[in-house]
Amino acid sequence: MDTPRLDHARPRHRLTSDQRQREIVAAVLALARERGPEAITAQAIADRMGVTQGALFRHFPDKATIWLAVFAWVRQALEAALATAVAKAASPLAQLEAVFLAHVAFIAENPGVPRIMFHELQYPGDSPARAEVRSMVIAYRKRLTRLFTQAKAAGELPPELDAALAPVLFLGAIQGLVMQSALVGDEAGMSRRARELLPLLLHGYHGRRSQP
């Protein structure tokens, strides 16, 4: 699923409500590339789109609903990218490799996504947007656990590997790449670093083998 884009060339009066909502999501994602999530106010979104706040809230009842739409798009887009990657891989381990690289490529294309996700998760309490993020993470970990279990059954990973714990290292490696890329200001190079890191990650999953 492609990242939604703002289309200033399209006559605004011809847009449907669904298209307007996609524009708003695109504006949030564009702003997230440039600033911290706390600075993505309703006014900032409206300014990016060239509309008033009133026009903005004709398509979403409040800002919380806008964030929920953004996270819903993230979930759908990431799941589509991972499904495409898995479909091209022949074995469970190859699918894990493909998922790792596809996830990093998705973040490199949408660097604002982890910023707004971490921002949402750092606060206590609950909200529809936070619940959406939590549901997405839980579903992702289940997908990874299933792939690790299949890789063990296929003899591609050691039988003693904890398939429920392995996703923690997997996701931690991706988060580490995100943080490193943010520190050096080089999100574009994230995919290259992911390919360099992947063999080391897979080596760790095989663990220490007993000597004959």
C-alpha atoms as a PDB file:
ATOM      1  CA  MET A   1       0.000   0.000   0.000  1.00  0.00           C
ATOM      2  CA  ASP A   2       1.525   3.291  -1.078  1.00  0.00           C
ATOM      3  CA  THR A   3       1.951   6.189   1.291  1.00  0.00           C
ATOM      4  CA  PRO A   4      -0.974   8.591   0.812  1.00  0.00           C
ATOM      5  CA  ARG A   5       0.122  11.826  -0.831  1.00  0.00           C
ATOM      6  CA  LEU A   6      -1.204  15.329  -0.763  1.00  0.00           C
ATOM      7  CA  ASP A   7      -2.504  16.296  -4.190  1.00  0.00           C
ATOM      8  CA  HIS A   8      -2.690  20.065  -4.413  1.00  0.00           C
ATOM      9  CA  ALA A   9      -3.259  19.917  -8.167  1.00  0.00           C
ATOM     10  CA  ARG A  10      -6.617  18.166  -7.810  1.00  0.00           C
ATOM     11  CA  PRO A  11      -9.613  20.530  -7.559  1.00  0.00           C
ATOM     12  CA  ARG A  12     -10.508  20.396  -3.887  1.00  0.00           C
ATOM     13  CA  HIS A  13     -14.287  20.589  -4.416  1.00  0.00           C
ATOM     14  CA  ARG A  14     -14.211  17.289  -6.334  1.00  0.00           C
ATOM     15  CA  LEU A  15     -12.765  15.254  -3.495  1.00  0.00           C
ATOM     16  CA  THR A  16     -14.968  12.753  -1.701  1.00  0.00           C
ATOM     17  CA  SER A  17     -14.952  12.542   2.089  1.00  0.00           C
ATOM     18  CA  ASP A  18     -12.796   9.406   1.900  1.00  0.00           C
ATOM     19  CA  GLN A  19     -10.283  11.215  -0.313  1.00  0.00           C
ATOM     20  CA  ARG A  20     -10.221  14.161   2.073  1.00  0.00           C
ATOM     21  CA  GLN A  21      -9.559  11.828   4.969  1.00  0.00           C
ATOM     22  CA  ARG A  22      -6.659  10.288   3.066  1.00  0.00           C
ATOM     23  CA  GLU A  23      -5.302  13.780   2.462  1.00  0.00           C
ATOM     24  CA  ILE A  24      -5.444  14.483   6.172  1.00  0.00           C
ATOM     25  CA  VAL A  25      -3.601  11.247   6.937  1.00  0.00           C
ATOM     26  CA  ALA A  26      -1.016  12.189   4.298  1.00  0.00           C
ATOM     27  CA  ALA A  27      -0.570  15.593   5.920  1.00  0.00           C
ATOM     28  CA  VAL A  28       0.077  14.004   9.329  1.00  0.00           C
ATOM     29  CA  LEU A  29       2.630  11.591   7.839  1.00  0.00           C
ATOM     30  CA  ALA A  30       4.352  14.452   6.012  1.00  0.00           C
ATOM     31  CA  LEU A  31       4.517  16.531   9.183  1.00  0.00           C
ATOM     32  CA  ALA A  32       5.862  13.549  11.148  1.00  0.00           C
ATOM     33  CA  ARG A  33       8.887  13.488   8.824  1.00  0.00           C
ATOM     34  CA  GLU A  34       9.758  17.044   9.855  1.00  0.00           C
ATOM     35  CA  ARG A  35       8.818  17.543  13.501  1.00  0.00           C
ATOM     36  CA  GLY A  36       7.971  15.853  16.768  1.00  0.00           C
ATOM     37  CA  PRO A  37       4.457  14.416  17.139  1.00  0.00           C
ATOM     38  CA  GLU A  38       3.615  16.928  19.885  1.00  0.00           C
ATOM     39  CA  ALA A  39       3.996  19.701  17.283  1.00  0.00           C
ATOM     40  CA  ILE A  40       1.474  18.117  14.903  1.00  0.00           C
ATOM     41  CA  THR A  41      -1.476  20.223  15.966  1.00  0.00           C
ATOM     42  CA  ALA A  42      -4.800  20.547  14.192  1.00  0.00           C
ATOM     43  CA  GLN A  43      -3.673  23.957  12.998  1.00  0.00           C
ATOM     44  CA  ALA A  44      -0.427  22.521  11.630  1.00  0.00           C
ATOM     45  CA  ILE A  45      -2.362  19.865   9.722  1.00  0.00           C
ATOM     46  CA  ALA A  46      -4.767  22.448   8.334  1.00  0.00           C
ATOM     47  CA  ASP A  47      -1.887  24.737   7.328  1.00  0.00           C
ATOM     48  CA  ARG A  48      -0.130  21.876   5.519  1.00  0.00           C
ATOM     49  CA  MET A  49      -3.314  21.174   3.567  1.00  0.00           C
ATOM     50  CA  GLY A  50      -4.117  24.820   2.940  1.00  0.00           C
ATOM     51  CA  VAL A  51      -7.508  24.636   4.661  1.00  0.00           C
ATOM     52  CA  THR A  52      -9.088  25.885   7.870  1.00  0.00           C
ATOM     53  CA  GLN A  53      -9.438  23.820  11.025  1.00  0.00           C
ATOM     54  CA  GLY A  54     -13.180  23.893  10.411  1.00  0.00           C
ATOM     55  CA  ALA A  55     -12.674  22.171   7.057  1.00  0.00           C
ATOM     56  CA  LEU A  56     -10.469  19.618   8.762  1.00  0.00           C
ATOM     57  CA  PHE A  57     -13.089  18.696  11.326  1.00  0.00           C
ATOM     58  CA  ARG A  58     -15.810  18.273   8.757  1.00  0.00           C
ATOM     59  CA  HIS A  59     -14.153  14.951   7.961  1.00  0.00           C
ATOM     60  CA  PHE A  60     -13.007  13.916  11.445  1.00  0.00           C
ATOM     61  CA  PRO A  61     -14.870  14.794  14.648  1.00  0.00           C
ATOM     62  CA  ASP A  62     -11.686  15.481  16.633  1.00  0.00           C
ATOM     63  CA  LYS A  63      -7.909  15.142  16.594  1.00  0.00           C
ATOM     64  CA  ALA A  64      -8.026  11.774  18.371  1.00  0.00           C
ATOM     65  CA  THR A  65      -9.978  10.350  15.442  1.00  0.00           C
ATOM     66  CA  ILE A  66      -7.362  11.702  13.045  1.00  0.00           C
ATOM     67  CA  TRP A  67      -4.630   9.843  14.943  1.00  0.00           C
ATOM     68  CA  LEU A  68      -6.738   6.702  14.903  1.00  0.00           C
ATOM     69  CA  ALA A  69      -7.036   6.973  11.104  1.00  0.00           C
ATOM     70  CA  VAL A  70      -3.270   7.446  10.820  1.00  0.00           C
ATOM     71  CA  PHE A  71      -2.542   4.316  12.859  1.00  0.00           C
ATOM     72  CA  ALA A  72      -5.153   2.351  10.944  1.00  0.00           C
ATOM     73  CA  TRP A  73      -3.375   3.316   7.721  1.00  0.00           C
ATOM     74  CA  VAL A  74      -0.012   2.314   9.205  1.00  0.00           C
ATOM     75  CA  ARG A  75      -1.372  -1.090  10.182  1.00  0.00           C
ATOM     76  CA  GLN A  76      -2.919  -1.764   6.785  1.00  0.00           C
ATOM     77  CA  ALA A  77       0.092  -0.505   4.844  1.00  0.00           C
ATOM     78  CA  LEU A  78       2.656  -2.407   6.907  1.00  0.00           C
ATOM     79  CA  GLU A  79       0.622  -5.621   6.801  1.00  0.00           C
ATOM     80  CA  ALA A  80       0.370  -5.300   3.010  1.00  0.00           C
ATOM     81  CA  ALA A  81       4.128  -4.765   2.695  1.00  0.00           C
ATOM     82  CA  LEU A  82       4.906  -7.760   4.902  1.00  0.00           C
ATOM     83  CA  ALA A  83       2.394  -9.993   3.110  1.00  0.00           C
ATOM     84  CA  THR A  84       3.987  -9.128  -0.231  1.00  0.00           C
ATOM     85  CA  ALA A  85       7.458  -9.887   1.146  1.00  0.00           C
ATOM     86  CA  VAL A  86       6.402 -13.231   2.650  1.00  0.00           C
ATOM     87  CA  ALA A  87       4.700 -14.314  -0.565  1.00  0.00           C
ATOM     88  CA  LYS A  88       8.014 -14.063  -2.420  1.00  0.00           C
ATOM     89  CA  ALA A  89       9.983 -16.171   0.094  1.00  0.00           C
ATOM     90  CA  ALA A  90      10.231 -19.950  -0.182  1.00  0.00           C
ATOM     91  CA  SER A  91      10.874 -21.046   3.423  1.00  0.00           C
ATOM     92  CA  PRO A  92       9.998 -19.860   6.946  1.00  0.00           C
ATOM     93  CA  LEU A  93      13.507 -18.522   7.583  1.00  0.00           C
ATOM     94  CA  ALA A  94      13.526 -16.754   4.219  1.00  0.00           C
ATOM     95  CA  GLN A  95      10.156 -15.263   5.142  1.00  0.00           C
ATOM     96  CA  LEU A  96      11.598 -13.936   8.410  1.00  0.00           C
ATOM     97  CA  GLU A  97      14.445 -12.341   6.482  1.00  0.00           C
ATOM     98  CA  ALA A  98      11.984 -10.826   4.017  1.00  0.00           C
ATOM     99  CA  VAL A  99       9.795  -9.464   6.825  1.00  0.00           C
ATOM    100  CA  PHE A 100      12.805  -7.847   8.508  1.00  0.00           C
ATOM    101  CA  LEU A 101      13.945  -6.100   5.333  1.00  0.00           C
ATOM    102  CA  ALA A 102      10.408  -5.122   4.289  1.00  0.00           C
ATOM    103  CA  HIS A 103       9.684  -3.606   7.705  1.00  0.00           C
ATOM    104  CA  VAL A 104      12.866  -1.536   7.606  1.00  0.00           C
ATOM    105  CA  ALA A 105      12.130  -0.440   4.033  1.00  0.00           C
ATOM    106  CA  PHE A 106       8.656   0.661   5.146  1.00  0.00           C
ATOM    107  CA  ILE A 107      10.143   2.795   7.918  1.00  0.00           C
ATOM    108  CA  ALA A 108      12.740   4.266   5.567  1.00  0.00           C
ATOM    109  CA  GLU A 109       9.865   5.304   3.294  1.00  0.00           C
ATOM    110  CA  ASN A 110       7.795   6.589   6.237  1.00  0.00           C
ATOM    111  CA  PRO A 111      10.305   7.772   8.888  1.00  0.00           C
ATOM    112  CA  GLY A 112       7.641   9.632  10.834  1.00  0.00           C
ATOM    113  CA  VAL A 113       5.745   6.424  11.631  1.00  0.00           C
ATOM    114  CA  PRO A 114       7.929   5.136  14.521  1.00  0.00           C
ATOM    115  CA  ARG A 115       8.028   8.637  16.013  1.00  0.00           C
ATOM    116  CA  ILE A 116       4.267   8.898  16.288  1.00  0.00           C
ATOM    117  CA  MET A 117       3.939   5.291  17.473  1.00  0.00           C
ATOM    118  CA  PHE A 118       6.496   5.696  20.271  1.00  0.00           C
ATOM    119  CA  HIS A 119       4.914   9.012  21.181  1.00  0.00           C
ATOM    120  CA  GLU A 120       1.508   7.372  21.551  1.00  0.00           C
ATOM    121  CA  LEU A 121       2.831   4.473  23.640  1.00  0.00           C
ATOM    122  CA  GLN A 122       4.846   6.515  26.133  1.00  0.00           C
ATOM    123  CA  TYR A 123       1.813   7.930  27.937  1.00  0.00           C
ATOM    124  CA  PRO A 124      -0.159   5.988  30.591  1.00  0.00           C
ATOM    125  CA  GLY A 125      -3.832   5.288  30.227  1.00  0.00           C
ATOM    126  CA  ASP A 126      -5.659   4.196  27.135  1.00  0.00           C
ATOM    127  CA  SER A 127      -7.197   5.645  24.008  1.00  0.00           C
ATOM    128  CA  PRO A 128      -8.575   4.244  20.739  1.00  0.00           C
ATOM    129  CA  ALA A 129      -5.302   5.168  18.978  1.00  0.00           C
ATOM    130  CA  ARG A 130      -3.193   3.525  21.680  1.00  0.00           C
ATOM    131  CA  ALA A 131      -5.389   0.430  21.509  1.00  0.00           C
ATOM    132  CA  GLU A 132      -4.869   0.327  17.730  1.00  0.00           C
ATOM    133  CA  VAL A 133      -1.083   0.505  18.156  1.00  0.00           C
ATOM    134  CA  ARG A 134      -1.122  -2.169  20.859  1.00  0.00           C
ATOM    135  CA  SER A 135      -3.299  -4.443  18.722  1.00  0.00           C
ATOM    136  CA  MET A 136      -0.946  -3.947  15.778  1.00  0.00           C
ATOM    137  CA  VAL A 137       2.133  -4.848  17.842  1.00  0.00           C
ATOM    138  CA  ILE A 138       0.448  -7.925  19.339  1.00  0.00           C
ATOM    139  CA  ALA A 139      -0.642  -9.166  15.901  1.00  0.00           C
ATOM    140  CA  TYR A 140       2.862  -8.583  14.542  1.00  0.00           C
ATOM    141  CA  ARG A 141       4.481 -10.535  17.369  1.00  0.00           C
ATOM    142  CA  LYS A 142       2.060 -13.419  16.785  1.00  0.00           C
ATOM    143  CA  ARG A 143       2.994 -13.414  13.088  1.00  0.00           C
ATOM    144  CA  LEU A 144       6.691 -13.558  13.993  1.00  0.00           C
ATOM    145  CA  THR A 145       6.164 -16.273  16.613  1.00  0.00           C
ATOM    146  CA  ARG A 146       4.381 -18.379  13.998  1.00  0.00           C
ATOM    147  CA  LEU A 147       7.246 -17.928  11.524  1.00  0.00           C
ATOM    148  CA  PHE A 148       9.884 -18.774  14.149  1.00  0.00           C
ATOM    149  CA  THR A 149       7.913 -21.895  15.097  1.00  0.00           C
ATOM    150  CA  GLN A 150       7.719 -22.941  11.444  1.00  0.00           C
ATOM    151  CA  ALA A 151      11.444 -22.296  10.956  1.00  0.00           C
ATOM    152  CA  LYS A 152      12.187 -24.556  13.942  1.00  0.00           C
ATOM    153  CA  ALA A 153       9.920 -27.283  12.550  1.00  0.00           C
ATOM    154  CA  ALA A 154      11.694 -27.038   9.202  1.00  0.00           C
ATOM    155  CA  GLY A 155      15.082 -27.475  10.882  1.00  0.00           C
ATOM    156  CA  GLU A 156      16.192 -23.978   9.894  1.00  0.00           C
ATOM    157  CA  LEU A 157      16.520 -22.833  13.500  1.00  0.00           C
ATOM    158  CA  PRO A 158      17.504 -24.762  16.653  1.00  0.00           C
ATOM    159  CA  PRO A 159      14.664 -26.659  18.377  1.00  0.00           C
ATOM    160  CA  GLU A 160      15.534 -25.053  21.714  1.00  0.00           C
ATOM    161  CA  LEU A 161      14.933 -21.517  20.403  1.00  0.00           C
ATOM    162  CA  ASP A 162      12.114 -19.777  22.299  1.00  0.00           C
ATOM    163  CA  ALA A 163       9.768 -18.859  19.441  1.00  0.00           C
ATOM    164  CA  ALA A 164       7.718 -16.565  21.682  1.00  0.00           C
ATOM    165  CA  LEU A 165      10.790 -14.640  22.883  1.00  0.00           C
ATOM    166  CA  ALA A 166      12.631 -14.473  19.552  1.00  0.00           C
ATOM    167  CA  PRO A 167      10.378 -11.667  18.202  1.00  0.00           C
ATOM    168  CA  VAL A 168      11.609  -9.377  21.001  1.00  0.00           C
ATOM    169  CA  LEU A 169      15.142  -9.475  19.577  1.00  0.00           C
ATOM    170  CA  PHE A 170      13.768  -9.173  16.040  1.00  0.00           C
ATOM    171  CA  LEU A 171      11.767  -6.029  16.813  1.00  0.00           C
ATOM    172  CA  GLY A 172      14.532  -4.679  19.039  1.00  0.00           C
ATOM    173  CA  ALA A 173      16.960  -4.852  16.122  1.00  0.00           C
ATOM    174  CA  ILE A 174      14.559  -2.836  13.971  1.00  0.00           C
ATOM    175  CA  GLN A 175      14.066  -0.271  16.731  1.00  0.00           C
ATOM    176  CA  GLY A 176      17.836  -0.013  17.127  1.00  0.00           C
ATOM    177  CA  LEU A 177      18.214   0.712  13.422  1.00  0.00           C
ATOM    178  CA  VAL A 178      15.517   3.378  13.698  1.00  0.00           C
ATOM    179  CA  MET A 179      17.266   5.086  16.613  1.00  0.00           C
ATOM    180  CA  GLN A 180      20.694   4.924  14.963  1.00  0.00           C
ATOM    181  CA  SER A 181      19.331   6.329  11.724  1.00  0.00           C
ATOM    182  CA  ALA A 182      17.609   9.150  13.579  1.00  0.00           C
ATOM    183  CA  LEU A 183      20.797  10.015  15.455  1.00  0.00           C
ATOM    184  CA  VAL A 184      22.901  10.263  12.297  1.00  0.00           C
ATOM    185  CA  GLY A 185      20.053  11.731  10.219  1.00  0.00           C
ATOM    186  CA  ASP A 186      20.237   9.029   7.572  1.00  0.00           C
ATOM    187  CA  GLU A 187      16.908   7.222   7.294  1.00  0.00           C
ATOM    188  CA  ALA A 188      17.647   6.629   3.617  1.00  0.00           C
ATOM    189  CA  GLY A 189      20.574   4.367   4.551  1.00  0.00           C
ATOM    190  CA  MET A 190      18.502   2.249   6.916  1.00  0.00           C
ATOM    191  CA  SER A 191      17.812  -0.528   4.403  1.00  0.00           C
ATOM    192  CA  ARG A 192      21.506  -0.932   3.628  1.00  0.00           C
ATOM    193  CA  ARG A 193      22.336  -1.205   7.329  1.00  0.00           C
ATOM    194  CA  ALA A 194      19.499  -3.706   7.779  1.00  0.00           C
ATOM    195  CA  ARG A 195      21.014  -5.972   5.124  1.00  0.00           C
ATOM    196  CA  GLU A 196      24.371  -5.732   6.906  1.00  0.00           C
ATOM    197  CA  LEU A 197      22.825  -6.502  10.302  1.00  0.00           C
ATOM    198  CA  LEU A 198      20.613  -9.391   9.210  1.00  0.00           C
ATOM    199  CA  PRO A 199      23.333 -12.103   9.076  1.00  0.00           C
ATOM    200  CA  LEU A 200      24.430 -11.184  12.607  1.00  0.00           C
ATOM    201  CA  LEU A 201      20.843 -11.344  13.840  1.00  0.00           C
ATOM    202  CA  LEU A 202      20.295 -14.771  12.279  1.00  0.00           C
ATOM    203  CA  HIS A 203      23.600 -15.995  13.721  1.00  0.00           C
ATOM    204  CA  GLY A 204      22.362 -15.027  17.171  1.00  0.00           C
ATOM    205  CA  TYR A 205      19.220 -17.095  16.734  1.00  0.00           C
ATOM    206  CA  HIS A 206      21.274 -20.186  16.048  1.00  0.00           C
ATOM    207  CA  GLY A 207      22.992 -19.732  19.416  1.00  0.00           C
ATOM    208  CA  ARG A 208      26.013 -21.580  20.748  1.00  0.00           C
ATOM    209  CA  ARG A 209      26.355 -25.039  19.276  1.00  0.00           C
ATOM    210  CA  SER A 210      27.887 -27.810  21.336  1.00  0.00           C
ATOM    211  CA  GLN A 211      31.339 -29.002  20.312  1.00  0.00           C
ATOM    212  CA  PRO A 212      31.631 -32.587  19.020  1.00  0.00           C
END
